[in-house]
């Protein structure tokens, strides 16, 4: 299924290019600068011009506003790093891997590129995935109002971008990179328990999965609490009704079954008397 065509927010901007929005240009320049930094770092690698493949993928996805661009950039870069570790380190004794400083800078610029690209997507396309069920919506009068769907997904619009947003995005990328580096340093220092049969790399992977699961559960609990705390009277009542049904559905089903049995029995008795 094809994605929605980029449009300029507002009626006055219809027919104009999205590049006329200042926020779009700013985020595009930040993403392009991050990709150029990736290219400079990857050119230090002796594997050749194939190291520029992630940069090429990123530039193409940036030009056509492709939402899958950051995923493909990270995927191709990961494959190149694995191939470099598998072939060049084992086949070339004099091959030297990049230092931790290069890896840290590479992680920083990739984080900035991913954040900027998805913020750019929220300006020119949808801030969240498009609901393709709306294309099949029935508009006949007989079922009007019965086809319940979420509200249409809207773009952020260039007017809603604050002047300090790009700077805050760069700061968020720096903080995320430092937190990730500290986390990886701590994980790399962890040794597997005695008797672990799969080696140190697998144990590090297990620790990362465990930490990710804990982070997701904690984030889910916090977001769930905030959602319930900010809900209105109707949403709160619906939540309480849902909890009541979850806790008492067995008893309610049993009571309703006996009530139906009693009603049918009385109806049968009335028919026999009549």
C-alpha atoms as a PDB file:
ATOM      1  CA  UNK A   1       0.000   0.000   0.000  1.00  0.00           C
ATOM      2  CA  UNK A   2       1.359   3.367  -0.959  1.00  0.00           C
ATOM      3  CA  UNK A   3       1.932   6.147   1.512  1.00  0.00           C
ATOM      4  CA  UNK A   4       0.092   9.420   1.490  1.00  0.00           C
ATOM      5  CA  UNK A   5       1.440  12.119  -0.754  1.00  0.00           C
ATOM      6  CA  UNK A   6       3.200  14.909   1.150  1.00  0.00           C
ATOM      7  CA  UNK A   7       1.134  18.048   1.437  1.00  0.00           C
ATOM      8  CA  UNK A   8       1.693  21.462   2.905  1.00  0.00           C
ATOM      9  CA  UNK A   9      -0.379  22.148   6.015  1.00  0.00           C
ATOM     10  CA  UNK A  10      -3.134  24.678   5.532  1.00  0.00           C
ATOM     11  CA  UNK A  11      -5.232  25.801   2.599  1.00  0.00           C
ATOM     12  CA  UNK A  12      -2.848  28.601   1.697  1.00  0.00           C
ATOM     13  CA  UNK A  13      -0.056  26.132   1.119  1.00  0.00           C
ATOM     14  CA  UNK A  14      -1.906  23.857  -1.278  1.00  0.00           C
ATOM     15  CA  UNK A  15       0.029  23.287  -4.481  1.00  0.00           C
ATOM     16  CA  UNK A  16       3.308  24.506  -3.012  1.00  0.00           C
ATOM     17  CA  UNK A  17       6.343  22.404  -2.265  1.00  0.00           C
ATOM     18  CA  UNK A  18       6.929  21.142   1.243  1.00  0.00           C
ATOM     19  CA  UNK A  19      10.442  22.576   1.066  1.00  0.00           C
ATOM     20  CA  UNK A  20       8.920  26.049   1.480  1.00  0.00           C
ATOM     21  CA  UNK A  21       8.249  25.238   5.156  1.00  0.00           C
ATOM     22  CA  UNK A  22      11.220  26.470   7.250  1.00  0.00           C
ATOM     23  CA  UNK A  23      10.948  23.598   9.741  1.00  0.00           C
ATOM     24  CA  UNK A  24      11.130  21.038   6.919  1.00  0.00           C
ATOM     25  CA  UNK A  25      14.288  22.657   5.567  1.00  0.00           C
ATOM     26  CA  UNK A  26      15.863  22.779   9.029  1.00  0.00           C
ATOM     27  CA  UNK A  27      15.229  19.109   9.785  1.00  0.00           C
ATOM     28  CA  UNK A  28      16.318  18.090   6.294  1.00  0.00           C
ATOM     29  CA  UNK A  29      19.597  19.991   6.674  1.00  0.00           C
ATOM     30  CA  UNK A  30      20.211  18.388  10.079  1.00  0.00           C
ATOM     31  CA  UNK A  31      19.577  14.915   8.639  1.00  0.00           C
ATOM     32  CA  UNK A  32      21.798  15.629   5.633  1.00  0.00           C
ATOM     33  CA  UNK A  33      24.613  16.885   7.866  1.00  0.00           C
ATOM     34  CA  UNK A  34      24.316  13.752  10.008  1.00  0.00           C
ATOM     35  CA  UNK A  35      24.515  11.547   6.905  1.00  0.00           C
ATOM     36  CA  UNK A  36      27.595  13.427   5.692  1.00  0.00           C
ATOM     37  CA  UNK A  37      29.234  12.824   9.071  1.00  0.00           C
ATOM     38  CA  UNK A  38      28.401   9.127   8.710  1.00  0.00           C
ATOM     39  CA  UNK A  39      30.046   9.186   5.279  1.00  0.00           C
ATOM     40  CA  UNK A  40      33.222  10.794   6.661  1.00  0.00           C
ATOM     41  CA  UNK A  41      33.405   8.198   9.433  1.00  0.00           C
ATOM     42  CA  UNK A  42      32.745   5.260   7.119  1.00  0.00           C
ATOM     43  CA  UNK A  43      35.364   6.449   4.627  1.00  0.00           C
ATOM     44  CA  UNK A  44      37.974   5.832   7.312  1.00  0.00           C
ATOM     45  CA  UNK A  45      37.123   2.137   7.044  1.00  0.00           C
ATOM     46  CA  UNK A  46      39.287   0.159   4.566  1.00  0.00           C
ATOM     47  CA  UNK A  47      36.363  -1.904   3.277  1.00  0.00           C
ATOM     48  CA  UNK A  48      35.975   0.517   0.365  1.00  0.00           C
ATOM     49  CA  UNK A  49      33.177   2.554  -1.138  1.00  0.00           C
ATOM     50  CA  UNK A  50      30.625  -0.082  -0.137  1.00  0.00           C
ATOM     51  CA  UNK A  51      30.766   1.572   3.294  1.00  0.00           C
ATOM     52  CA  UNK A  52      28.808   4.491   1.773  1.00  0.00           C
ATOM     53  CA  UNK A  53      25.772   2.284   1.061  1.00  0.00           C
ATOM     54  CA  UNK A  54      23.938   3.291   4.289  1.00  0.00           C
ATOM     55  CA  UNK A  55      24.535   6.957   3.458  1.00  0.00           C
ATOM     56  CA  UNK A  56      23.110   6.491  -0.039  1.00  0.00           C
ATOM     57  CA  UNK A  57      20.017   4.785   1.389  1.00  0.00           C
ATOM     58  CA  UNK A  58      19.590   7.631   3.884  1.00  0.00           C
ATOM     59  CA  UNK A  59      19.853  10.355   1.241  1.00  0.00           C
ATOM     60  CA  UNK A  60      17.304   8.641  -1.025  1.00  0.00           C
ATOM     61  CA  UNK A  61      14.850   8.136   1.854  1.00  0.00           C
ATOM     62  CA  UNK A  62      15.332  11.753   2.888  1.00  0.00           C
ATOM     63  CA  UNK A  63      14.629  13.003  -0.636  1.00  0.00           C
ATOM     64  CA  UNK A  64      11.382  11.012  -1.024  1.00  0.00           C
ATOM     65  CA  UNK A  65      10.299  11.237   2.645  1.00  0.00           C
ATOM     66  CA  UNK A  66      10.436   7.472   3.102  1.00  0.00           C
ATOM     67  CA  UNK A  67       9.436   6.426   6.609  1.00  0.00           C
ATOM     68  CA  UNK A  68      11.473   3.197   6.444  1.00  0.00           C
ATOM     69  CA  UNK A  69      14.701   5.105   5.724  1.00  0.00           C
ATOM     70  CA  UNK A  70      16.230   5.079   9.237  1.00  0.00           C
ATOM     71  CA  UNK A  71      15.434   1.385   9.662  1.00  0.00           C
ATOM     72  CA  UNK A  72      17.164   0.526   6.378  1.00  0.00           C
ATOM     73  CA  UNK A  73      20.151   2.745   7.216  1.00  0.00           C
ATOM     74  CA  UNK A  74      20.666   1.011  10.559  1.00  0.00           C
ATOM     75  CA  UNK A  75      20.105  -2.406   8.978  1.00  0.00           C
ATOM     76  CA  UNK A  76      22.635  -1.913   6.179  1.00  0.00           C
ATOM     77  CA  UNK A  77      25.156  -0.410   8.586  1.00  0.00           C
ATOM     78  CA  UNK A  78      24.742  -3.377  10.950  1.00  0.00           C
ATOM     79  CA  UNK A  79      25.249  -5.842   8.095  1.00  0.00           C
ATOM     80  CA  UNK A  80      28.398  -4.013   6.986  1.00  0.00           C
ATOM     81  CA  UNK A  81      29.792  -4.062  10.528  1.00  0.00           C
ATOM     82  CA  UNK A  82      29.086  -7.777  10.858  1.00  0.00           C
ATOM     83  CA  UNK A  83      30.730  -8.507   7.502  1.00  0.00           C
ATOM     84  CA  UNK A  84      33.733  -6.407   8.477  1.00  0.00           C
ATOM     85  CA  UNK A  85      34.082  -8.304  11.738  1.00  0.00           C
ATOM     86  CA  UNK A  86      33.584 -11.677  10.052  1.00  0.00           C
ATOM     87  CA  UNK A  87      35.852 -11.329   7.029  1.00  0.00           C
ATOM     88  CA  UNK A  88      38.342  -8.509   7.419  1.00  0.00           C
ATOM     89  CA  UNK A  89      39.349  -9.216  11.006  1.00  0.00           C
ATOM     90  CA  UNK A  90      39.874 -12.937  10.333  1.00  0.00           C
ATOM     91  CA  UNK A  91      41.335 -12.708   6.808  1.00  0.00           C
ATOM     92  CA  UNK A  92      43.529  -9.621   7.241  1.00  0.00           C
ATOM     93  CA  UNK A  93      45.885  -9.867  10.242  1.00  0.00           C
ATOM     94  CA  UNK A  94      46.841  -6.192  10.021  1.00  0.00           C
ATOM     95  CA  UNK A  95      43.270  -4.939   9.932  1.00  0.00           C
ATOM     96  CA  UNK A  96      42.451  -2.532  12.741  1.00  0.00           C
ATOM     97  CA  UNK A  97      38.898  -1.937  13.869  1.00  0.00           C
ATOM     98  CA  UNK A  98      37.689   1.625  14.537  1.00  0.00           C
ATOM     99  CA  UNK A  99      38.255   2.962  18.035  1.00  0.00           C
ATOM    100  CA  UNK A 100      35.505   3.540  20.581  1.00  0.00           C
ATOM    101  CA  UNK A 101      35.634   7.249  19.836  1.00  0.00           C
ATOM    102  CA  UNK A 102      34.631   6.654  16.208  1.00  0.00           C
ATOM    103  CA  UNK A 103      31.852   4.312  17.313  1.00  0.00           C
ATOM    104  CA  UNK A 104      30.562   6.880  19.810  1.00  0.00           C
ATOM    105  CA  UNK A 105      30.511   9.657  17.201  1.00  0.00           C
ATOM    106  CA  UNK A 106      28.846   7.313  14.712  1.00  0.00           C
ATOM    107  CA  UNK A 107      26.153   6.441  17.244  1.00  0.00           C
ATOM    108  CA  UNK A 108      25.594  10.135  17.981  1.00  0.00           C
ATOM    109  CA  UNK A 109      25.106  11.194  14.362  1.00  0.00           C
ATOM    110  CA  UNK A 110      22.893   8.176  13.673  1.00  0.00           C
ATOM    111  CA  UNK A 111      20.692   9.039  16.656  1.00  0.00           C
ATOM    112  CA  UNK A 112      20.370  12.631  15.429  1.00  0.00           C
ATOM    113  CA  UNK A 113      19.563  11.420  11.916  1.00  0.00           C
ATOM    114  CA  UNK A 114      16.841   9.023  13.103  1.00  0.00           C
ATOM    115  CA  UNK A 115      15.189  11.609  15.374  1.00  0.00           C
ATOM    116  CA  UNK A 116      15.319  14.307  12.704  1.00  0.00           C
ATOM    117  CA  UNK A 117      14.002  12.020   9.961  1.00  0.00           C
ATOM    118  CA  UNK A 118      10.949  10.954  11.939  1.00  0.00           C
ATOM    119  CA  UNK A 119      10.213  14.513  13.017  1.00  0.00           C
ATOM    120  CA  UNK A 120      10.435  15.435   9.353  1.00  0.00           C
ATOM    121  CA  UNK A 121       7.910  12.668   8.631  1.00  0.00           C
ATOM    122  CA  UNK A 122       5.504  14.183  11.148  1.00  0.00           C
ATOM    123  CA  UNK A 123       5.657  17.483   9.242  1.00  0.00           C
ATOM    124  CA  UNK A 124       5.155  16.265   5.678  1.00  0.00           C
ATOM    125  CA  UNK A 125       3.151  13.061   6.221  1.00  0.00           C
ATOM    126  CA  UNK A 126       1.391  11.622   9.248  1.00  0.00           C
ATOM    127  CA  UNK A 127       2.668  11.898  12.791  1.00  0.00           C
ATOM    128  CA  UNK A 128       1.401   8.324  13.277  1.00  0.00           C
ATOM    129  CA  UNK A 129       0.713   5.508  10.767  1.00  0.00           C
ATOM    130  CA  UNK A 130      -2.191   6.078   8.407  1.00  0.00           C
ATOM    131  CA  UNK A 131      -5.330   4.003   9.053  1.00  0.00           C
ATOM    132  CA  UNK A 132      -6.053   2.293   5.724  1.00  0.00           C
ATOM    133  CA  UNK A 133      -9.476   1.137   6.965  1.00  0.00           C
ATOM    134  CA  UNK A 134     -10.693   4.644   6.161  1.00  0.00           C
ATOM    135  CA  UNK A 135     -10.293   3.828   2.467  1.00  0.00           C
ATOM    136  CA  UNK A 136     -12.962   1.134   2.892  1.00  0.00           C
ATOM    137  CA  UNK A 137     -15.353   3.281   4.888  1.00  0.00           C
ATOM    138  CA  UNK A 138     -19.004   2.806   3.879  1.00  0.00           C
ATOM    139  CA  UNK A 139     -20.770   6.118   3.270  1.00  0.00           C
ATOM    140  CA  UNK A 140     -24.336   4.909   2.623  1.00  0.00           C
ATOM    141  CA  UNK A 141     -27.150   6.443   4.648  1.00  0.00           C
ATOM    142  CA  UNK A 142     -28.256   3.100   6.086  1.00  0.00           C
ATOM    143  CA  UNK A 143     -25.028   2.549   8.035  1.00  0.00           C
ATOM    144  CA  UNK A 144     -24.190   6.181   8.630  1.00  0.00           C
ATOM    145  CA  UNK A 145     -22.779   6.628  12.119  1.00  0.00           C
ATOM    146  CA  UNK A 146     -22.295   2.896  12.718  1.00  0.00           C
ATOM    147  CA  UNK A 147     -18.817   2.609  11.224  1.00  0.00           C
ATOM    148  CA  UNK A 148     -16.685   3.714  14.136  1.00  0.00           C
ATOM    149  CA  UNK A 149     -13.108   4.655  13.339  1.00  0.00           C
ATOM    150  CA  UNK A 150     -10.471   6.787  15.061  1.00  0.00           C
ATOM    151  CA  UNK A 151     -10.186  10.451  14.266  1.00  0.00           C
ATOM    152  CA  UNK A 152      -8.203  11.270  11.118  1.00  0.00           C
ATOM    153  CA  UNK A 153      -4.457  11.428  11.687  1.00  0.00           C
ATOM    154  CA  UNK A 154      -3.186  14.948  11.244  1.00  0.00           C
ATOM    155  CA  UNK A 155       0.227  16.373  10.488  1.00  0.00           C
ATOM    156  CA  UNK A 156       1.953  18.624  12.959  1.00  0.00           C
ATOM    157  CA  UNK A 157       2.183  21.527  10.559  1.00  0.00           C
ATOM    158  CA  UNK A 158       5.122  23.879  10.189  1.00  0.00           C
ATOM    159  CA  UNK A 159       3.460  26.570  12.287  1.00  0.00           C
ATOM    160  CA  UNK A 160       3.515  24.330  15.383  1.00  0.00           C
ATOM    161  CA  UNK A 161       7.306  23.942  15.358  1.00  0.00           C
ATOM    162  CA  UNK A 162       9.008  26.069  17.993  1.00  0.00           C
ATOM    163  CA  UNK A 163      12.275  27.868  17.365  1.00  0.00           C
ATOM    164  CA  UNK A 164      14.215  25.861  19.975  1.00  0.00           C
ATOM    165  CA  UNK A 165      12.943  22.475  18.819  1.00  0.00           C
ATOM    166  CA  UNK A 166      15.917  21.650  16.607  1.00  0.00           C
ATOM    167  CA  UNK A 167      18.346  22.521  19.399  1.00  0.00           C
ATOM    168  CA  UNK A 168      16.401  20.365  21.863  1.00  0.00           C
ATOM    169  CA  UNK A 169      16.479  17.536  19.336  1.00  0.00           C
ATOM    170  CA  UNK A 170      20.287  17.741  19.127  1.00  0.00           C
ATOM    171  CA  UNK A 171      20.477  17.742  22.920  1.00  0.00           C
ATOM    172  CA  UNK A 172      18.187  14.704  23.069  1.00  0.00           C
ATOM    173  CA  UNK A 173      20.458  12.889  20.615  1.00  0.00           C
ATOM    174  CA  UNK A 174      23.533  13.649  22.726  1.00  0.00           C
ATOM    175  CA  UNK A 175      21.829  12.480  25.936  1.00  0.00           C
ATOM    176  CA  UNK A 176      20.519   9.299  24.297  1.00  0.00           C
ATOM    177  CA  UNK A 177      23.975   8.481  22.925  1.00  0.00           C
ATOM    178  CA  UNK A 178      25.685   9.000  26.271  1.00  0.00           C
ATOM    179  CA  UNK A 179      23.076   6.912  28.097  1.00  0.00           C
ATOM    180  CA  UNK A 180      23.444   4.149  25.507  1.00  0.00           C
ATOM    181  CA  UNK A 181      27.230   4.251  25.753  1.00  0.00           C
ATOM    182  CA  UNK A 182      27.171   4.050  29.550  1.00  0.00           C
ATOM    183  CA  UNK A 183      24.659   1.236  29.407  1.00  0.00           C
ATOM    184  CA  UNK A 184      26.745  -0.728  26.921  1.00  0.00           C
ATOM    185  CA  UNK A 185      29.897  -0.147  29.001  1.00  0.00           C
ATOM    186  CA  UNK A 186      28.119  -1.562  32.025  1.00  0.00           C
ATOM    187  CA  UNK A 187      26.736  -4.534  30.067  1.00  0.00           C
ATOM    188  CA  UNK A 188      30.150  -5.303  28.535  1.00  0.00           C
ATOM    189  CA  UNK A 189      31.669  -5.480  32.005  1.00  0.00           C
ATOM    190  CA  UNK A 190      29.146  -8.087  33.143  1.00  0.00           C
ATOM    191  CA  UNK A 191      30.440 -11.636  33.256  1.00  0.00           C
ATOM    192  CA  UNK A 192      28.153 -14.639  32.732  1.00  0.00           C
ATOM    193  CA  UNK A 193      27.295 -16.805  35.725  1.00  0.00           C
ATOM    194  CA  UNK A 194      29.280 -19.931  36.396  1.00  0.00           C
ATOM    195  CA  UNK A 195      28.155 -22.755  34.136  1.00  0.00           C
ATOM    196  CA  UNK A 196      26.572 -20.573  31.446  1.00  0.00           C
ATOM    197  CA  UNK A 197      27.136 -22.662  28.284  1.00  0.00           C
ATOM    198  CA  UNK A 198      26.701 -20.093  25.480  1.00  0.00           C
ATOM    199  CA  UNK A 199      29.589 -17.711  26.023  1.00  0.00           C
ATOM    200  CA  UNK A 200      29.988 -14.054  26.937  1.00  0.00           C
ATOM    201  CA  UNK A 201      28.360 -12.431  23.807  1.00  0.00           C
ATOM    202  CA  UNK A 202      25.149 -14.422  24.270  1.00  0.00           C
ATOM    203  CA  UNK A 203      25.064 -13.468  27.945  1.00  0.00           C
ATOM    204  CA  UNK A 204      25.395  -9.793  27.011  1.00  0.00           C
ATOM    205  CA  UNK A 205      22.486 -10.225  24.594  1.00  0.00           C
ATOM    206  CA  UNK A 206      20.397 -11.832  27.344  1.00  0.00           C
ATOM    207  CA  UNK A 207      21.161  -8.924  29.676  1.00  0.00           C
ATOM    208  CA  UNK A 208      20.181  -6.380  27.010  1.00  0.00           C
ATOM    209  CA  UNK A 209      16.892  -8.192  26.317  1.00  0.00           C
ATOM    210  CA  UNK A 210      16.169  -8.348  30.035  1.00  0.00           C
ATOM    211  CA  UNK A 211      16.869  -4.619  30.482  1.00  0.00           C
ATOM    212  CA  UNK A 212      14.742  -3.795  27.430  1.00  0.00           C
ATOM    213  CA  UNK A 213      11.830  -5.819  28.797  1.00  0.00           C
ATOM    214  CA  UNK A 214      12.081  -4.049  32.156  1.00  0.00           C
ATOM    215  CA  UNK A 215      12.187  -0.650  30.430  1.00  0.00           C
ATOM    216  CA  UNK A 216       9.136  -1.477  28.307  1.00  0.00           C
ATOM    217  CA  UNK A 217       7.165  -2.719  31.305  1.00  0.00           C
ATOM    218  CA  UNK A 218       8.082   0.376  33.308  1.00  0.00           C
ATOM    219  CA  UNK A 219       7.191   2.719  30.450  1.00  0.00           C
ATOM    220  CA  UNK A 220       3.895   0.877  29.923  1.00  0.00           C
ATOM    221  CA  UNK A 221       3.004   1.231  33.598  1.00  0.00           C
ATOM    222  CA  UNK A 222       3.852   4.941  33.687  1.00  0.00           C
ATOM    223  CA  UNK A 223       2.019   5.740  30.433  1.00  0.00           C
ATOM    224  CA  UNK A 224      -1.004   3.711  31.562  1.00  0.00           C
ATOM    225  CA  UNK A 225      -1.144   5.623  34.833  1.00  0.00           C
ATOM    226  CA  UNK A 226      -0.844   8.977  33.045  1.00  0.00           C
ATOM    227  CA  UNK A 227      -3.564   7.973  30.590  1.00  0.00           C
ATOM    228  CA  UNK A 228      -5.953   7.067  33.419  1.00  0.00           C
ATOM    229  CA  UNK A 229      -4.998  10.161  35.441  1.00  0.00           C
ATOM    230  CA  UNK A 230      -5.757  12.521  32.540  1.00  0.00           C
ATOM    231  CA  UNK A 231      -8.930  10.752  31.408  1.00  0.00           C
ATOM    232  CA  UNK A 232     -12.280  12.525  31.543  1.00  0.00           C
ATOM    233  CA  UNK A 233     -15.474  11.286  33.261  1.00  0.00           C
ATOM    234  CA  UNK A 234     -16.669   9.282  30.240  1.00  0.00           C
ATOM    235  CA  UNK A 235     -13.322   7.552  29.711  1.00  0.00           C
ATOM    236  CA  UNK A 236     -13.026   6.774  33.432  1.00  0.00           C
ATOM    237  CA  UNK A 237     -16.537   5.317  33.512  1.00  0.00           C
ATOM    238  CA  UNK A 238     -15.764   3.151  30.491  1.00  0.00           C
ATOM    239  CA  UNK A 239     -12.569   1.929  32.155  1.00  0.00           C
ATOM    240  CA  UNK A 240     -14.448   1.057  35.365  1.00  0.00           C
ATOM    241  CA  UNK A 241     -17.126  -0.788  33.387  1.00  0.00           C
ATOM    242  CA  UNK A 242     -14.439  -2.746  31.600  1.00  0.00           C
ATOM    243  CA  UNK A 243     -12.778  -3.669  34.894  1.00  0.00           C
ATOM    244  CA  UNK A 244     -16.141  -4.676  36.382  1.00  0.00           C
ATOM    245  CA  UNK A 245     -16.835  -6.969  33.437  1.00  0.00           C
ATOM    246  CA  UNK A 246     -13.336  -8.468  33.635  1.00  0.00           C
ATOM    247  CA  UNK A 247     -13.699  -9.277  37.331  1.00  0.00           C
ATOM    248  CA  UNK A 248     -17.343 -10.445  37.365  1.00  0.00           C
ATOM    249  CA  UNK A 249     -18.003 -11.806  33.867  1.00  0.00           C
ATOM    250  CA  UNK A 250     -18.315 -15.381  35.128  1.00  0.00           C
ATOM    251  CA  UNK A 251     -20.885 -14.449  37.762  1.00  0.00           C
ATOM    252  CA  UNK A 252     -22.778 -12.179  35.360  1.00  0.00           C
ATOM    253  CA  UNK A 253     -22.891 -14.908  32.727  1.00  0.00           C
ATOM    254  CA  UNK A 254     -24.200 -17.423  35.286  1.00  0.00           C
ATOM    255  CA  UNK A 255     -26.876 -15.005  36.588  1.00  0.00           C
ATOM    256  CA  UNK A 256     -28.036 -14.111  33.092  1.00  0.00           C
ATOM    257  CA  UNK A 257     -28.226 -17.802  32.166  1.00  0.00           C
ATOM    258  CA  UNK A 258     -30.464 -18.550  35.180  1.00  0.00           C
ATOM    259  CA  UNK A 259     -32.641 -15.520  34.435  1.00  0.00           C
ATOM    260  CA  UNK A 260     -33.149 -16.679  30.841  1.00  0.00           C
ATOM    261  CA  UNK A 261     -33.961 -20.198  32.095  1.00  0.00           C
ATOM    262  CA  UNK A 262     -36.519 -18.794  34.539  1.00  0.00           C
ATOM    263  CA  UNK A 263     -38.137 -16.620  31.881  1.00  0.00           C
ATOM    264  CA  UNK A 264     -38.413 -19.522  29.445  1.00  0.00           C
ATOM    265  CA  UNK A 265     -39.843 -21.755  32.186  1.00  0.00           C
ATOM    266  CA  UNK A 266     -42.537 -19.209  33.069  1.00  0.00           C
ATOM    267  CA  UNK A 267     -43.333 -18.737  29.392  1.00  0.00           C
ATOM    268  CA  UNK A 268     -43.749 -22.514  29.003  1.00  0.00           C
ATOM    269  CA  UNK A 269     -46.012 -22.702  32.061  1.00  0.00           C
ATOM    270  CA  UNK A 270     -48.212 -19.895  30.710  1.00  0.00           C
ATOM    271  CA  UNK A 271     -48.511 -21.696  27.381  1.00  0.00           C
ATOM    272  CA  UNK A 272     -49.539 -24.927  29.138  1.00  0.00           C
ATOM    273  CA  UNK A 273     -52.230 -23.107  31.190  1.00  0.00           C
ATOM    274  CA  UNK A 274     -53.543 -21.343  28.143  1.00  0.00           C
END
